[in-house]
Protein backbone atom coordinates (compact mmCIF):
# COMPACT_ATOMS: atom_id res chain seq x y z
CA UNK A 1 46.90 6.62 -19.46
CA UNK A 2 46.15 5.49 -15.90
CA UNK A 3 42.94 7.53 -15.90
CA UNK A 4 41.93 6.03 -19.23
CA UNK A 5 42.63 2.53 -17.95
CA UNK A 6 40.53 3.18 -14.86
CA UNK A 7 37.64 4.42 -17.01
CA UNK A 8 37.95 1.37 -19.24
CA UNK A 9 37.82 -0.96 -16.24
CA UNK A 10 34.68 0.79 -14.90
CA UNK A 11 33.04 0.51 -18.31
CA UNK A 12 33.87 -3.19 -18.53
CA UNK A 13 32.45 -3.78 -15.03
CA UNK A 14 29.15 -2.14 -15.98
CA UNK A 15 28.98 -4.08 -19.24
CA UNK A 16 29.48 -7.30 -17.25
CA UNK A 17 26.72 -6.32 -14.82
CA UNK A 18 24.33 -5.55 -17.68
CA UNK A 19 25.14 -8.91 -19.28
CA UNK A 20 24.40 -10.66 -15.99
CA UNK A 21 21.06 -8.84 -15.68
CA UNK A 22 20.11 -9.92 -19.19
CA UNK A 23 21.09 -13.54 -18.62
CA UNK A 24 19.28 -13.88 -15.30
CA UNK A 25 16.17 -12.10 -16.58
CA UNK A 26 16.04 -14.51 -19.54
CA UNK A 27 16.42 -17.48 -17.19
CA UNK A 28 13.72 -16.22 -14.82
CA UNK A 29 11.31 -15.80 -17.72
CA UNK A 30 12.04 -19.14 -19.36
CA UNK A 31 12.83 -21.48 -16.43
CA UNK A 32 10.18 -24.03 -15.59
CA UNK A 33 9.21 -23.47 -11.91
CA UNK A 34 7.59 -26.91 -11.84
CA UNK A 35 10.97 -28.69 -12.00
CA UNK A 36 11.36 -30.94 -8.96
CA UNK A 37 14.03 -30.14 -6.40
CA UNK A 38 16.98 -32.58 -6.74
CA UNK A 39 16.54 -33.99 -3.25
CA UNK A 40 12.84 -33.44 -2.75
CA UNK A 41 10.81 -36.35 -1.48
CA UNK A 42 7.59 -36.99 -3.47
CA UNK A 43 5.53 -36.31 -0.34
CA UNK A 44 7.13 -32.88 -0.06
CA UNK A 45 5.84 -31.73 -3.43
CA UNK A 46 2.76 -29.53 -3.49
CA UNK A 47 0.49 -28.27 -6.22
CA UNK A 48 3.06 -25.51 -6.68
CA UNK A 49 5.36 -28.04 -8.32
CA UNK A 50 2.87 -28.41 -11.15
CA UNK A 51 1.33 -24.95 -11.24
CA UNK A 52 1.73 -22.74 -14.33
CA UNK A 53 3.60 -19.48 -13.95
CA UNK A 54 1.15 -16.82 -12.72
CA UNK A 55 0.63 -13.49 -14.48
CA UNK A 56 2.94 -10.66 -13.38
CA UNK A 57 2.09 -9.13 -10.05
CA UNK A 58 1.33 -5.45 -9.90
CA UNK A 59 3.81 -3.24 -8.07
CA UNK A 60 2.19 -1.84 -4.95
CA UNK A 61 3.26 0.40 -2.12
CA UNK A 62 3.79 -1.62 1.03
CA UNK A 63 2.33 -0.64 4.37
CA UNK A 64 4.95 0.87 6.68
CA UNK A 65 6.37 -1.26 9.47
CA UNK A 66 4.93 -0.77 12.95
CA UNK A 67 6.28 2.21 14.85
CA UNK A 68 8.35 1.74 17.97
CA UNK A 69 10.91 -0.84 19.06
CA UNK A 70 11.30 -4.10 17.13
CA UNK A 71 8.97 -7.02 17.81
CA UNK A 72 10.84 -9.23 15.34
CA UNK A 73 14.18 -9.68 13.60
CA UNK A 74 14.82 -6.95 11.03
CA UNK A 75 11.98 -4.84 12.39
CA UNK A 76 9.17 -6.94 10.95
CA UNK A 77 8.15 -9.33 8.22
CA UNK A 78 9.69 -7.20 5.43
CA UNK A 79 13.16 -7.34 7.07
CA UNK A 80 14.00 -3.72 6.22
CA UNK A 81 16.29 -3.33 9.25
CA UNK A 82 15.13 0.21 9.82
CA UNK A 83 13.42 1.86 12.76
CA UNK A 84 10.90 4.62 13.32
CA UNK A 85 12.97 5.62 16.36
CA UNK A 86 15.88 8.03 16.52
CA UNK A 87 19.31 6.56 17.29
CA UNK A 88 21.87 7.86 19.78
CA UNK A 89 23.71 11.05 18.91
CA UNK A 90 26.92 10.01 20.69
CA UNK A 91 28.87 6.84 21.45
CA UNK A 92 28.17 7.04 25.19
CA UNK A 93 27.74 3.58 26.78
CA UNK A 94 24.67 3.64 29.02
CA UNK A 95 25.19 0.14 30.45
CA UNK A 96 26.60 -3.27 29.69
CA UNK A 97 25.42 -6.65 30.91
CA UNK A 98 27.52 -9.85 30.74
CA UNK A 99 25.24 -12.81 29.97
CA UNK A 100 27.95 -15.50 30.14
CA UNK A 101 27.40 -17.02 26.68
CA UNK A 102 27.82 -15.76 23.11
CA UNK A 103 24.94 -13.70 21.69
CA UNK A 104 24.15 -13.86 17.97
CA UNK A 105 20.45 -12.97 18.16
CA UNK A 106 18.95 -9.52 17.74
CA UNK A 107 17.13 -8.25 20.84
CA UNK A 108 13.37 -7.65 20.53
CA UNK A 109 11.06 -5.65 22.78
CA UNK A 110 7.67 -6.69 24.21
CA UNK A 111 4.69 -4.30 24.52
CA UNK A 112 5.48 -3.87 28.23
CA UNK A 113 9.01 -2.75 27.38
CA UNK A 114 10.92 -5.92 28.26
CA UNK A 115 14.06 -6.43 26.17
CA UNK A 116 14.18 -10.11 25.13
CA UNK A 117 17.43 -11.71 23.97
CA UNK A 118 18.73 -15.28 23.84
CA UNK A 119 22.21 -16.71 24.29
CA UNK A 120 23.97 -19.73 22.85
CA UNK A 121 23.75 -21.59 26.16
CA UNK A 122 19.97 -21.81 25.67
CA UNK A 123 18.83 -19.04 28.03
CA UNK A 124 16.21 -16.47 27.01
CA UNK A 125 16.34 -13.28 29.08
CA UNK A 126 13.76 -10.60 29.78
CA UNK A 127 15.44 -7.33 30.77
CA UNK A 128 14.28 -3.88 31.77
CA UNK A 129 15.27 -0.78 29.82
CA UNK A 130 18.17 -0.22 32.22
CA UNK A 131 19.46 -3.79 31.85
CA UNK A 132 18.04 -5.32 35.05
CA UNK A 133 16.91 -8.95 34.72
CA UNK A 134 13.14 -9.42 34.99
CA UNK A 135 12.96 -13.10 34.06
CA UNK A 136 14.90 -15.89 32.41
CA UNK A 137 13.88 -19.13 30.70
CA UNK A 138 16.27 -22.04 30.22
CA UNK A 139 15.57 -23.91 26.98
CA UNK A 140 17.21 -27.05 25.63
CA UNK A 141 19.50 -26.15 22.74
CA UNK A 142 21.39 -23.07 21.55
CA UNK A 143 19.53 -19.83 20.89
CA UNK A 144 21.16 -18.29 17.82
CA UNK A 145 18.28 -16.33 16.27
CA UNK A 146 15.89 -13.64 17.46
CA UNK A 147 12.63 -14.29 19.26
CA UNK A 148 9.36 -13.07 17.77
CA UNK A 149 6.77 -11.12 19.75
CA UNK A 150 3.58 -12.49 18.16
CA UNK A 151 0.34 -10.60 17.71
CA UNK A 152 -1.37 -13.16 19.97
CA UNK A 153 0.73 -12.07 22.94
CA UNK A 154 3.29 -14.89 22.96
CA UNK A 155 7.00 -15.23 22.30
CA UNK A 156 8.10 -17.65 19.56
CA UNK A 157 11.73 -18.70 19.42
CA UNK A 158 13.54 -21.67 17.84
CA UNK A 159 16.65 -23.39 19.14
CA UNK A 160 19.44 -24.35 16.75
CA UNK A 161 18.58 -28.05 17.08
CA UNK A 162 15.20 -27.40 15.45
CA UNK A 163 12.70 -27.03 18.30
CA UNK A 164 10.18 -24.18 18.19
CA UNK A 165 9.25 -22.87 21.64
CA UNK A 166 6.19 -20.81 22.51
CA UNK A 167 6.39 -18.82 25.75
CA UNK A 168 4.33 -16.26 27.58
CA UNK A 169 5.63 -12.69 27.62
CA UNK A 170 6.97 -13.28 31.13
CA UNK A 171 9.00 -16.30 30.02
CA UNK A 172 6.78 -19.26 30.95
CA UNK A 173 7.08 -22.17 28.51
CA UNK A 174 3.71 -22.98 26.90
CA UNK A 175 4.56 -25.61 24.27
CA UNK A 176 7.28 -27.04 22.01
CA UNK A 177 7.31 -28.33 18.44
CA UNK A 178 10.14 -30.36 16.85
CA UNK A 179 10.90 -29.24 13.27
CA UNK A 180 13.12 -32.19 12.27
CA UNK A 181 16.15 -30.08 11.20
CA UNK A 182 18.46 -27.34 12.48
CA UNK A 183 17.22 -23.75 12.52
CA UNK A 184 19.47 -20.86 11.40
CA UNK A 185 16.84 -18.19 10.71
CA UNK A 186 14.35 -16.44 13.02
CA UNK A 187 10.58 -17.04 12.74
CA UNK A 188 8.41 -14.57 10.83
CA UNK A 189 4.73 -13.75 11.33
CA UNK A 190 2.43 -13.46 8.30
CA UNK A 191 -0.28 -10.78 7.91
CA UNK A 192 -2.97 -13.27 9.03
CA UNK A 193 -1.07 -14.23 12.18
CA UNK A 194 0.42 -17.51 11.01
CA UNK A 195 4.09 -18.38 11.47
CA UNK A 196 6.89 -19.11 9.00
CA UNK A 197 10.03 -20.84 10.24
CA UNK A 198 12.88 -22.35 8.24
CA UNK A 199 14.48 -25.60 9.39
CA UNK A 200 17.16 -27.15 7.22
CA UNK A 201 15.90 -27.26 3.62
CA UNK A 202 12.28 -26.74 4.61
CA UNK A 203 10.14 -23.66 5.17
CA UNK A 204 7.24 -24.48 7.51
CA UNK A 205 3.96 -22.56 7.74
CA UNK A 206 2.16 -23.03 11.06
CA UNK A 207 -1.03 -21.63 12.51
CA UNK A 208 -1.23 -20.11 15.99
CA UNK A 209 -1.61 -23.55 17.57
CA UNK A 210 1.44 -24.92 15.68
CA UNK A 211 -0.70 -26.96 13.29
CA UNK A 212 1.20 -27.44 10.02
CA UNK A 213 -0.45 -25.59 7.13
CA UNK A 214 2.15 -26.36 4.46
CA UNK A 215 5.86 -26.74 3.93
CA UNK A 216 8.12 -25.88 1.04
CA UNK A 217 11.34 -27.79 0.30
CA UNK A 218 14.43 -26.17 -1.20
CA UNK A 219 17.42 -28.20 -2.34
CA UNK A 220 19.78 -26.67 0.23
CA UNK A 221 19.79 -24.86 3.55
CA UNK A 222 17.50 -21.87 4.12
CA UNK A 223 19.78 -19.70 6.26
CA UNK A 224 17.89 -16.38 6.20
CA UNK A 225 14.40 -15.44 7.31
CA UNK A 226 11.80 -15.05 4.55
CA UNK A 227 10.22 -11.68 3.79
CA UNK A 228 6.44 -11.45 3.54
CA UNK A 229 4.36 -8.96 1.55
CA UNK A 230 1.08 -7.43 2.70
CA UNK A 231 -0.83 -9.82 0.42
CA UNK A 232 0.86 -12.83 2.04
CA UNK A 233 3.35 -13.55 -0.76
CA UNK A 234 6.48 -15.12 0.74
CA UNK A 235 9.97 -14.43 -0.62
CA UNK A 236 12.60 -16.95 0.43
CA UNK A 237 16.27 -17.50 -0.43
CA UNK A 238 18.42 -20.59 0.05
CA UNK A 239 21.94 -21.85 -0.45
CA UNK A 240 20.84 -23.60 -3.63
CA UNK A 241 21.50 -20.35 -5.54
CA UNK A 242 17.82 -19.47 -5.85
CA UNK A 243 15.50 -16.65 -4.83
CA UNK A 244 11.85 -17.73 -4.81
CA UNK A 245 8.34 -16.37 -4.38
CA UNK A 246 5.62 -18.51 -2.81
CA UNK A 247 1.88 -17.93 -2.69
CA UNK A 248 0.28 -17.60 0.78
CA UNK A 249 -0.67 -21.30 0.53
CA UNK A 250 2.91 -22.37 -0.23
CA UNK A 251 2.63 -22.79 -4.02
CA UNK A 252 5.74 -21.84 -5.97
CA UNK A 253 5.13 -18.70 -8.04
CA UNK A 254 8.59 -18.13 -9.51
CA UNK A 255 12.28 -18.63 -8.88
CA UNK A 256 15.31 -16.64 -10.00
CA UNK A 257 18.80 -18.18 -10.18
CA UNK A 258 21.70 -16.34 -8.61
CA UNK A 259 25.40 -16.95 -9.08
CA UNK A 260 25.98 -18.44 -5.61
CA UNK A 261 24.51 -18.84 -2.11
CA UNK A 262 22.04 -16.20 -0.94
CA UNK A 263 22.57 -15.40 2.74
CA UNK A 264 21.69 -11.68 2.83
CA UNK A 265 17.99 -11.14 2.54
CA UNK A 266 15.48 -11.19 1.15
CA UNK A 267 14.43 -7.66 2.03
CA UNK A 268 11.09 -6.35 0.74
CA UNK A 269 11.13 -2.73 -0.38
CA UNK A 270 8.46 -0.07 -0.15
CA UNK A 271 7.40 -0.57 -3.79
CA UNK A 272 7.39 -4.38 -3.61
CA UNK A 273 10.92 -4.84 -4.96
CA UNK A 274 12.78 -7.80 -3.44
CA UNK A 275 16.46 -7.27 -2.58
CA UNK A 276 19.06 -9.92 -1.74
CA UNK A 277 22.83 -10.10 -1.29
CA UNK A 278 24.82 -13.04 -2.58
CA UNK A 279 28.17 -14.84 -2.46
CA UNK A 280 28.62 -14.02 -6.15
CA UNK A 281 29.39 -10.47 -4.89
CA UNK A 282 26.17 -9.00 -6.24
CA UNK A 283 23.18 -7.30 -4.68
CA UNK A 284 20.02 -8.18 -6.63
CA UNK A 285 16.80 -6.22 -7.08
CA UNK A 286 13.86 -8.28 -8.35
CA UNK A 287 10.35 -7.14 -9.31
CA UNK A 288 7.35 -8.79 -7.60
CA UNK A 289 6.81 -10.89 -10.76
CA UNK A 290 10.34 -12.33 -10.63
CA UNK A 291 11.94 -10.17 -13.33
CA UNK A 292 15.41 -8.91 -12.47
CA UNK A 293 15.56 -5.13 -12.20
CA UNK A 294 19.27 -4.75 -11.54
CA UNK A 295 22.33 -6.52 -10.14
CA UNK A 296 25.28 -4.56 -8.77
CA UNK A 297 28.70 -6.11 -8.22
CA UNK A 298 30.23 -4.96 -4.91
CA UNK A 299 33.46 -6.92 -5.35
CA UNK A 300 33.05 -8.98 -2.17
CA UNK A 301 30.71 -11.50 -0.56
CA UNK A 302 27.48 -9.96 0.76
CA UNK A 303 26.34 -12.13 3.67
CA UNK A 304 25.04 -9.73 6.31
CA UNK A 305 21.41 -8.57 6.12
CA UNK A 306 20.65 -5.56 3.94
CA UNK A 307 18.97 -2.40 5.26
CA UNK A 308 16.68 0.11 3.55
CA UNK A 309 16.40 3.79 4.40
CA UNK A 310 13.24 5.80 3.91
CA UNK A 311 15.02 7.94 1.31
CA UNK A 312 15.51 4.96 -1.00
CA UNK A 313 19.07 4.15 0.08
CA UNK A 314 19.88 0.44 0.24
CA UNK A 315 22.76 -0.43 2.57
CA UNK A 316 24.94 -3.52 2.12
CA UNK A 317 27.79 -4.61 4.40
CA UNK A 318 30.52 -6.50 2.55
CA UNK A 319 32.95 -9.16 3.69
CA UNK A 320 36.73 -8.67 3.69
CA UNK A 321 39.42 -8.01 2.94
CA UNK A 322 37.97 -4.44 2.92
CA UNK A 323 34.84 -4.56 5.06
CA UNK A 324 32.66 -1.72 3.81
CA UNK A 325 29.22 -0.23 4.26
CA UNK A 326 28.01 0.46 0.72
CA UNK A 327 25.03 2.68 -0.11
CA UNK A 328 23.13 1.97 -3.33
CA UNK A 329 20.22 3.72 -4.98
CA UNK A 330 17.44 1.18 -4.38
CA UNK A 331 15.75 2.13 -7.65
CA UNK A 332 18.74 1.87 -9.99
CA UNK A 333 21.43 -0.03 -8.08
CA UNK A 334 23.96 2.76 -8.69
CA UNK A 335 26.43 3.39 -5.85
CA UNK A 336 25.85 6.51 -3.74
CA UNK A 337 28.79 6.20 -1.34
CA UNK A 338 30.82 3.67 0.60
CA UNK A 339 32.39 3.79 4.04
CA UNK A 340 35.39 1.66 4.98
CA UNK A 341 34.72 -0.06 8.32
CA UNK A 342 37.86 -2.17 8.79
CA UNK A 343 40.46 -4.37 7.10
CA UNK A 344 40.32 -8.17 7.37
CA UNK A 345 42.84 -10.92 6.53
CA UNK A 346 40.85 -12.32 3.62
CA UNK A 347 37.50 -12.38 1.81
CA UNK A 348 36.00 -14.97 4.15
CA UNK A 349 35.99 -12.63 7.16
CA UNK A 350 32.44 -11.33 7.22
CA UNK A 351 30.48 -9.16 9.67
CA UNK A 352 27.84 -11.09 11.60
CA UNK A 353 25.19 -8.41 11.19
CA UNK A 354 24.41 -5.62 8.77
CA UNK A 355 23.38 -2.03 9.38
CA UNK A 356 20.35 -0.63 11.16
CA UNK A 357 18.83 2.64 9.86
CA UNK A 358 17.03 5.10 12.13
CA UNK A 359 14.25 7.57 11.34
CA UNK A 360 16.74 10.25 10.28
CA UNK A 361 18.58 7.98 7.84
CA UNK A 362 21.62 7.48 10.08
CA UNK A 363 23.10 3.98 9.96
CA UNK A 364 24.48 1.99 12.90
CA UNK A 365 26.78 -0.95 12.26
CA UNK A 366 28.97 -3.28 14.30
CA UNK A 367 32.15 -4.90 13.05
CA UNK A 368 34.61 -7.70 13.65
CA UNK A 369 37.05 -5.20 15.14
CA UNK A 370 34.77 -4.76 18.16
CA UNK A 371 33.60 -1.23 17.35
CA UNK A 372 30.14 0.19 16.86
CA UNK A 373 29.86 3.04 14.38
CA UNK A 374 27.23 5.50 13.31
CA UNK A 375 27.40 6.65 9.69
CA UNK A 376 25.40 9.66 8.51
CA UNK A 377 23.06 9.58 5.53
CA UNK A 378 25.82 11.06 3.35
CA UNK A 379 28.36 8.37 4.31
CA UNK A 380 30.38 10.44 6.78
CA UNK A 381 31.26 9.05 10.20
CA UNK A 382 29.18 10.45 13.07
CA UNK A 383 30.77 8.51 15.94
CA UNK A 384 32.50 5.31 16.89
CA UNK A 385 32.74 3.56 20.24
CA UNK A 386 35.92 2.45 21.91
CA UNK A 387 36.64 -1.22 21.22
CA UNK A 388 34.11 -3.40 23.05
CA UNK A 389 36.65 -6.17 23.56
CA UNK A 390 35.10 -8.68 21.16
CA UNK A 391 33.48 -8.70 17.68
CA UNK A 392 29.93 -7.39 17.43
CA UNK A 393 27.92 -10.53 16.71
CA UNK A 394 24.21 -9.76 17.02
CA UNK A 395 21.96 -7.61 14.83
CA UNK A 396 21.40 -4.15 16.32
CA UNK A 397 18.10 -2.87 17.71
CA UNK A 398 16.72 0.47 18.92
CA UNK A 399 14.84 -0.23 22.15
CA UNK A 400 13.71 3.36 22.53
CA UNK A 401 14.53 6.80 21.19
CA UNK A 402 18.27 7.17 21.61
CA UNK A 403 18.93 3.69 23.07
CA UNK A 404 20.83 1.31 20.78
CA UNK A 405 21.35 -2.36 21.74
CA UNK A 406 24.27 -4.45 20.49
CA UNK A 407 25.84 -7.78 21.48
CA UNK A 408 29.46 -8.89 21.40
CA UNK A 409 31.03 -12.33 21.00
CA UNK A 410 32.01 -12.50 24.69
CA UNK A 411 28.33 -12.58 25.69
CA UNK A 412 27.94 -8.93 26.68
CA UNK A 413 24.83 -6.92 25.81
CA UNK A 414 25.65 -3.25 25.32
CA UNK A 415 23.35 -0.23 25.45
CA UNK A 416 24.51 2.93 23.69
CA UNK A 417 22.61 6.09 24.33
CA UNK A 418 21.62 8.97 26.52
């Protein structure tokens, strides 16, 4: 009887998920994208607010992300959180560097090999591969998100109080731009070299001189970086329970309602599918034309960024009380495996960062319990570090083959590797 009951519960869960897919797909097809945002100022509205829904976009294979260490948060404008490099085979700590203030930003790496990371006391550091300081820049305001190594040879980084800074690759301040609202997401570079940065409810598009090209206004905070396709289409999520697609000129193409805030994603897949995790416990997969492909209920908030392996495995890190790394088939949404990371007091305890996937499909993930773990492509544990003394707070990065960077809440930058 217990087995039968378990089977019945699984069946009911899948029926509920299918019903949700049908409802959201109907809404996405019938909703009027020209409806004004509840708090939008008339001057904030663009032609997108009056544009008809475009024809469906064709599914296309995306160009692969650049090889080598990350130049931007999530590995690039698609936010796949995967690397072309190979991760460390063991949990050996190569070095650690105390930087005095909490680190929540992912490290990035310049073409010369400098590791660039910011701290919440407003200092941006340039470090060598062995952790030696090469330069530092003191900026006004907290640095909570990753810097961007731009194609034009500059660093772009925003402070939490809403000021975008442009620096040289050796840390000299070149210019500043006030964005009128707090910034919680890192900047993203478009295929034509322009910049996207979210501040408060607004997504700004800037050229290389910081001239404003357009801005889009959501009805609540944009807390995650947008993902950008090769054709310049921008996918953006906000805490107004919406996932949206914008044309390269900022016009609204479509929007899809979700059941709650969207903090995880968007991530843009290899076939153009858009993935996002949500506080309604679901991970969503949406076609480039805005039609829902699937929605899988993970039974917990999904707030950390998603990651995508080259074998089509989508990785989601859930909140408590059972903090798990869950592997889904990116094509169907069906679970492949899950790995229990730790236990938390309640559902509101959430990891700060999601997984990073290396070239071999191995995942690396930090947790609130202060451990770093490597999970194999089949879900088995490869290794775990000793406790680092504080929760892992920053997104992970591979600075080189075998060298993994992670940050903890006490302001220490850790290097795991050979």
